[in-house]
Amino acid sequence: MIVKNHETIIVAVANHKGGVGKTLCSVNLAHYMLDHYQKVLVIDFDSQRNTSKWMCKHLDKLAFKMPDIFKFCVQHDINEPDTKEQLKTMIQSAKVISFENKKEISLMPSSLKLDVVSMELTVNDDLARFKIVKLIHAMAEGYDMVFIDTPPSIDMLTRTAISAADYILIPVGIDPDAIEGALDIKNIIMPKAKEYFNPNLKIIGIVISGRDRYNLSKAIEQMAVEQFGNLVFRSQISKTNRVGEAKTLQKSIRDLSSNKNFEKIHKEFLQLSSEFIKRIKKDNGGRA
């Protein structure tokens, strides 16, 4: 069992199915959390780098990248003082830090090589997973909340992110396979993560993303409620071209909230973030 030595809230954003809104939720909920916290971190565990490209314009100029840090972490004893200091330096050099109204939102970006390194590390899967969980805890130290955007799979990276987390947020797109993907997280990954890493791990909620006016959206919502009950958020995110515009502009929905074209999706994220933080507070005895 690995115990965090700080009170940072870590949220893994996961679904076995791709295209369900993991990046959308990771980037934007992180920004809306600045209404509640001083320091928020987003960790991109997906080699497709969608979160990283949304949040950072200069990915190729970073001194260190996630694969470098993974290899270093697995190959060294990070409890040894000199190694721990070296790791801190690497993390700081890889981090992209931004400030909004004196509040900090940071990114630990991904890399195209992350999948390759992950495959190399699966030779010693249990050891690598144990050490990367400790790495995530080290990255998270000093932040109030951390979101980890995971790949659309149940491979080592997703399993490790969930093992390091306090909560799992599961976005579900308008596709029956997205429900199956959510159930894979709940039934395959979560039990072992609770047994070996964090017995208090919980699903904080299921968020419907890409909702439209057609009957399939209503059917997916009904399927989600049947499988997950009250875990399904009342707040939902509609299908809109504004998401693509925000990505192109490399701005969050919150950043664009004064633009009338973003009024609807801004309101939806405000409602989702309010519902999300209420659940966090309820689970922490009123403390967010």
Protein backbone atom coordinates (compact mmCIF):
# COMPACT_ATOMS: atom_id res chain seq x y z
CA MET A 1 0.00 0.00 0.00
CA ILE A 2 1.32 3.44 -0.95
CA VAL A 3 0.28 6.36 1.24
CA LYS A 4 0.41 9.96 -0.01
CA ASN A 5 2.29 12.26 2.36
CA HIS A 6 0.26 15.33 1.37
CA GLU A 7 -3.41 16.33 1.05
CA THR A 8 -3.50 17.05 -2.68
CA ILE A 9 -6.68 15.74 -4.31
CA ILE A 10 -5.81 13.59 -7.34
CA VAL A 11 -8.45 12.86 -9.99
CA ALA A 12 -7.85 10.37 -12.80
CA VAL A 13 -10.01 11.12 -15.86
CA ALA A 14 -10.53 7.77 -17.55
CA ASN A 15 -12.58 5.66 -19.94
CA HIS A 16 -11.45 2.62 -21.95
CA LYS A 17 -13.25 4.15 -24.95
CA GLY A 18 -11.68 7.06 -26.85
CA GLY A 19 -13.43 10.22 -28.04
CA VAL A 20 -15.60 10.55 -24.93
CA GLY A 21 -14.39 13.94 -23.64
CA LYS A 22 -11.48 13.03 -21.35
CA THR A 23 -9.31 15.87 -22.65
CA LEU A 24 -12.25 18.28 -22.67
CA CYS A 25 -12.98 17.54 -19.01
CA SER A 26 -9.35 17.43 -17.88
CA VAL A 27 -8.41 20.80 -19.38
CA ASN A 28 -11.56 22.68 -18.56
CA LEU A 29 -12.48 21.34 -15.12
CA ALA A 30 -8.89 22.12 -14.10
CA HIS A 31 -9.37 25.74 -15.16
CA TYR A 32 -12.76 26.02 -13.43
CA MET A 33 -11.19 24.66 -10.24
CA LEU A 34 -9.26 27.94 -10.06
CA ASP A 35 -12.53 29.35 -8.69
CA HIS A 36 -11.93 27.13 -5.65
CA TYR A 37 -8.17 26.51 -5.38
CA GLN A 38 -4.88 28.39 -5.64
CA LYS A 39 -2.84 25.76 -7.48
CA VAL A 40 -4.05 23.14 -9.98
CA LEU A 41 -1.98 20.69 -12.02
CA VAL A 42 -2.88 18.72 -15.15
CA ILE A 43 -0.81 15.61 -15.97
CA ASP A 44 -1.09 14.30 -19.53
CA PHE A 45 -0.62 10.51 -19.62
CA ASP A 46 -1.85 10.13 -23.21
CA SER A 47 0.81 9.94 -25.94
CA GLN A 48 -1.64 11.58 -28.37
CA ARG A 49 -0.84 14.78 -26.42
CA ASN A 50 -4.24 16.40 -26.97
CA THR A 51 -4.27 17.93 -23.50
CA SER A 52 -0.66 19.07 -23.86
CA LYS A 53 -1.31 20.69 -27.27
CA TRP A 54 -4.41 22.44 -25.91
CA MET A 55 -2.52 23.90 -22.94
CA CYS A 56 1.00 24.52 -24.29
CA LYS A 57 2.38 26.25 -27.40
CA HIS A 58 6.01 25.23 -26.96
CA LEU A 59 6.05 21.49 -26.27
CA ASP A 60 9.22 20.87 -28.28
CA LYS A 61 11.28 23.36 -26.26
CA LEU A 62 11.05 21.62 -22.89
CA ALA A 63 14.31 20.38 -21.36
CA PHE A 64 12.76 17.15 -20.05
CA LYS A 65 9.68 15.21 -21.08
CA MET A 66 7.55 12.56 -19.42
CA PRO A 67 9.44 9.54 -20.89
CA ASP A 68 12.71 10.89 -19.48
CA ILE A 69 11.17 11.24 -16.03
CA PHE A 70 9.52 7.79 -16.20
CA LYS A 71 12.82 6.10 -17.05
CA PHE A 72 14.71 7.97 -14.37
CA CYS A 73 12.08 7.16 -11.77
CA VAL A 74 12.00 3.43 -12.54
CA GLN A 75 15.78 3.07 -12.81
CA HIS A 76 16.64 4.88 -9.55
CA ASP A 77 15.73 4.82 -5.89
CA ILE A 78 13.77 8.07 -5.61
CA ASN A 79 13.81 7.86 -1.80
CA GLU A 80 17.56 8.52 -1.84
CA PRO A 81 18.09 12.26 -1.08
CA ASP A 82 20.32 13.17 -4.07
CA THR A 83 18.09 11.24 -6.46
CA LYS A 84 15.00 12.89 -5.00
CA GLU A 85 16.50 16.34 -5.61
CA GLN A 86 17.46 15.40 -9.16
CA LEU A 87 13.93 14.17 -9.79
CA LYS A 88 12.48 17.43 -8.46
CA THR A 89 14.70 19.36 -10.89
CA MET A 90 13.56 17.20 -13.82
CA ILE A 91 9.89 17.63 -12.91
CA GLN A 92 10.30 21.39 -12.61
CA SER A 93 12.09 21.54 -15.98
CA ALA A 94 9.33 19.53 -17.67
CA LYS A 95 6.48 21.53 -16.16
CA VAL A 96 4.62 24.32 -17.97
CA ILE A 97 3.40 26.90 -15.46
CA SER A 98 0.72 29.54 -16.13
CA PHE A 99 -0.87 32.12 -13.87
CA GLU A 100 -4.43 33.46 -13.92
CA ASN A 101 -5.30 36.24 -11.46
CA LYS A 102 -2.43 35.20 -9.17
CA LYS A 103 -3.53 31.55 -9.26
CA GLU A 104 -1.41 28.82 -10.79
CA ILE A 105 -2.45 26.21 -13.35
CA SER A 106 0.35 23.95 -14.50
CA LEU A 107 0.82 21.15 -17.02
CA MET A 108 3.03 18.08 -17.02
CA PRO A 109 2.97 17.46 -20.78
CA SER A 110 3.04 14.14 -22.58
CA SER A 111 5.22 12.92 -25.45
CA LEU A 112 4.78 10.81 -28.57
CA LYS A 113 7.38 8.46 -27.07
CA LEU A 114 5.36 7.80 -23.95
CA ASP A 115 3.76 4.63 -25.38
CA VAL A 116 7.17 3.22 -26.31
CA VAL A 117 8.57 3.84 -22.85
CA SER A 118 5.41 2.41 -21.27
CA MET A 119 5.84 -0.80 -23.28
CA GLU A 120 9.49 -1.04 -22.22
CA LEU A 121 8.53 -0.63 -18.57
CA THR A 122 5.84 -3.34 -18.66
CA VAL A 123 8.65 -5.92 -18.59
CA ASN A 124 8.70 -5.14 -14.86
CA ASP A 125 5.08 -4.02 -14.70
CA ASP A 126 4.50 -4.24 -10.95
CA LEU A 127 7.72 -2.43 -10.05
CA ALA A 128 7.16 0.25 -12.70
CA ARG A 129 3.59 0.81 -11.57
CA PHE A 130 4.63 1.10 -7.92
CA LYS A 131 7.38 3.61 -8.74
CA ILE A 132 5.25 5.71 -11.13
CA VAL A 133 2.49 5.96 -8.51
CA LYS A 134 5.14 7.44 -6.19
CA LEU A 135 6.24 9.71 -9.06
CA ILE A 136 2.68 11.01 -9.52
CA HIS A 137 2.50 11.73 -5.79
CA ALA A 138 5.79 13.63 -6.07
CA MET A 139 4.48 15.64 -9.05
CA ALA A 140 1.28 16.43 -7.15
CA GLU A 141 2.97 17.75 -4.01
CA GLY A 142 2.30 21.44 -3.44
CA TYR A 143 -0.89 21.51 -5.52
CA ASP A 144 -4.46 21.63 -4.26
CA MET A 145 -5.88 19.46 -7.03
CA VAL A 146 -4.45 17.35 -9.85
CA PHE A 147 -6.19 15.98 -12.95
CA ILE A 148 -4.61 13.11 -14.89
CA ASP A 149 -5.76 12.71 -18.48
CA THR A 150 -5.38 9.01 -19.31
CA PRO A 151 -5.16 7.16 -22.66
CA PRO A 152 -8.23 5.34 -24.08
CA SER A 153 -7.06 1.95 -22.85
CA ILE A 154 -6.67 -0.15 -19.74
CA ASP A 155 -2.90 -0.45 -20.13
CA MET A 156 -0.17 0.29 -17.59
CA LEU A 157 -0.51 4.08 -17.85
CA THR A 158 -4.24 4.11 -17.13
CA ARG A 159 -3.93 1.53 -14.36
CA THR A 160 -1.11 3.51 -12.76
CA ALA A 161 -2.92 6.86 -12.94
CA ILE A 162 -5.98 5.33 -11.29
CA SER A 163 -3.83 3.63 -8.64
CA ALA A 164 -2.34 7.01 -7.73
CA ALA A 165 -5.70 8.79 -7.59
CA ASP A 166 -8.21 9.58 -4.88
CA TYR A 167 -11.06 9.79 -7.37
CA ILE A 168 -11.95 8.66 -10.88
CA LEU A 169 -13.96 10.93 -13.16
CA ILE A 170 -15.45 8.99 -16.09
CA PRO A 171 -16.63 10.96 -19.15
CA VAL A 172 -19.12 9.06 -21.33
CA GLY A 173 -19.75 10.03 -24.96
CA ILE A 174 -22.90 9.37 -26.95
CA ASP A 175 -21.94 5.81 -27.85
CA PRO A 176 -22.94 2.52 -26.16
CA ASP A 177 -19.26 1.49 -26.24
CA ALA A 178 -18.51 4.42 -23.91
CA ILE A 179 -20.70 2.78 -21.26
CA GLU A 180 -18.77 -0.47 -21.74
CA GLY A 181 -15.51 1.48 -21.46
CA ALA A 182 -16.70 3.06 -18.20
CA LEU A 183 -17.64 -0.37 -16.83
CA ASP A 184 -14.14 -1.64 -17.69
CA ILE A 185 -12.69 1.09 -15.48
CA LYS A 186 -15.08 0.22 -12.65
CA ASN A 187 -14.90 -3.58 -12.88
CA ILE A 188 -11.38 -4.33 -14.15
CA ILE A 189 -9.02 -1.58 -12.97
CA MET A 190 -10.65 -0.13 -9.89
CA PRO A 191 -10.82 -3.28 -7.71
CA LYS A 192 -7.07 -4.00 -7.98
CA ALA A 193 -6.19 -0.33 -7.48
CA LYS A 194 -8.25 -0.33 -4.29
CA GLU A 195 -6.72 -3.60 -3.08
CA TYR A 196 -3.07 -2.75 -3.66
CA PHE A 197 -2.82 1.06 -3.66
CA ASN A 198 -5.75 3.02 -2.26
CA PRO A 199 -8.68 1.35 -0.47
CA ASN A 200 -10.47 4.72 -0.36
CA LEU A 201 -10.46 5.18 -4.15
CA LYS A 202 -13.88 6.29 -5.42
CA ILE A 203 -15.64 7.18 -8.64
CA ILE A 204 -16.50 10.86 -8.16
CA GLY A 205 -18.91 10.81 -11.06
CA ILE A 206 -19.94 9.97 -14.61
CA VAL A 207 -20.30 12.96 -16.93
CA ILE A 208 -22.26 12.76 -20.19
CA SER A 209 -20.29 14.56 -22.91
CA GLY A 210 -21.30 15.37 -26.48
CA ARG A 211 -25.01 15.43 -25.71
CA ASP A 212 -27.36 16.40 -28.56
CA ARG A 213 -31.12 16.48 -29.12
CA TYR A 214 -31.41 13.05 -30.66
CA ASN A 215 -32.85 9.95 -29.02
CA LEU A 216 -29.46 8.24 -28.73
CA SER A 217 -28.37 10.83 -26.15
CA LYS A 218 -31.39 10.03 -24.00
CA ALA A 219 -30.74 6.31 -24.39
CA ILE A 220 -27.08 6.68 -23.33
CA GLU A 221 -28.11 8.77 -20.32
CA GLN A 222 -30.60 6.07 -19.32
CA MET A 223 -27.96 3.34 -19.74
CA ALA A 224 -25.51 5.34 -17.61
CA VAL A 225 -28.07 5.79 -14.83
CA GLU A 226 -28.96 2.08 -14.94
CA GLN A 227 -25.30 1.10 -14.52
CA PHE A 228 -24.04 3.87 -12.21
CA GLY A 229 -27.10 5.34 -10.50
CA ASN A 230 -26.50 8.57 -8.58
CA LEU A 231 -22.89 8.72 -9.75
CA VAL A 232 -24.13 10.23 -13.04
CA PHE A 233 -23.83 14.02 -12.87
CA ARG A 234 -26.98 15.99 -13.59
CA SER A 235 -24.82 18.49 -15.44
CA GLN A 236 -23.99 17.44 -19.02
CA ILE A 237 -21.78 18.88 -21.74
CA SER A 238 -23.42 19.49 -25.12
CA LYS A 239 -21.94 18.71 -28.51
CA THR A 240 -20.62 21.97 -29.96
CA ASN A 241 -18.09 23.32 -32.43
CA ARG A 242 -16.90 25.71 -29.70
CA VAL A 243 -14.68 22.97 -28.25
CA GLY A 244 -12.67 22.81 -31.47
CA GLU A 245 -12.39 26.60 -31.53
CA ALA A 246 -11.12 26.68 -27.94
CA LYS A 247 -8.50 24.02 -28.77
CA THR A 248 -7.35 25.99 -31.82
CA LEU A 249 -7.07 29.15 -29.73
CA GLN A 250 -5.35 27.15 -26.96
CA LYS A 251 -7.69 28.65 -24.39
CA SER A 252 -10.03 27.06 -21.89
CA ILE A 253 -13.80 27.52 -22.03
CA ARG A 254 -13.43 29.58 -18.85
CA ASP A 255 -10.95 31.90 -20.61
CA LEU A 256 -13.50 32.46 -23.39
CA SER A 257 -16.53 32.88 -21.12
CA SER A 258 -16.98 36.56 -22.01
CA ASN A 259 -17.52 35.59 -25.68
CA LYS A 260 -21.27 35.15 -26.33
CA ASN A 261 -20.57 32.19 -28.62
CA PHE A 262 -19.25 30.28 -25.60
CA GLU A 263 -22.05 31.28 -23.24
CA LYS A 264 -23.87 27.92 -23.32
CA ILE A 265 -20.87 25.64 -22.81
CA HIS A 266 -19.48 28.01 -20.17
CA LYS A 267 -22.73 27.70 -18.22
CA GLU A 268 -22.59 23.90 -18.56
CA PHE A 269 -19.04 23.76 -17.19
CA LEU A 270 -19.96 26.12 -14.36
CA GLN A 271 -22.78 23.76 -13.39
CA LEU A 272 -20.55 20.69 -13.72
CA SER A 273 -17.74 22.24 -11.69
CA SER A 274 -20.22 23.27 -8.97
CA GLU A 275 -21.65 19.74 -8.80
CA PHE A 276 -18.14 18.27 -8.87
CA ILE A 277 -16.81 20.42 -6.01
CA LYS A 278 -19.92 19.69 -3.90
CA ARG A 279 -19.19 15.97 -4.18
CA ILE A 280 -15.55 16.53 -3.25
CA LYS A 281 -16.60 18.54 -0.18
CA LYS A 282 -19.20 15.98 0.83
CA ASP A 283 -16.62 13.18 0.68
CA ASN A 284 -14.14 15.25 2.69
CA GLY A 285 -16.42 16.25 5.52
CA GLY A 286 -17.25 19.66 4.04
CA ARG A 287 -13.63 20.48 3.16
CA ALA A 288 -12.70 20.86 -0.50
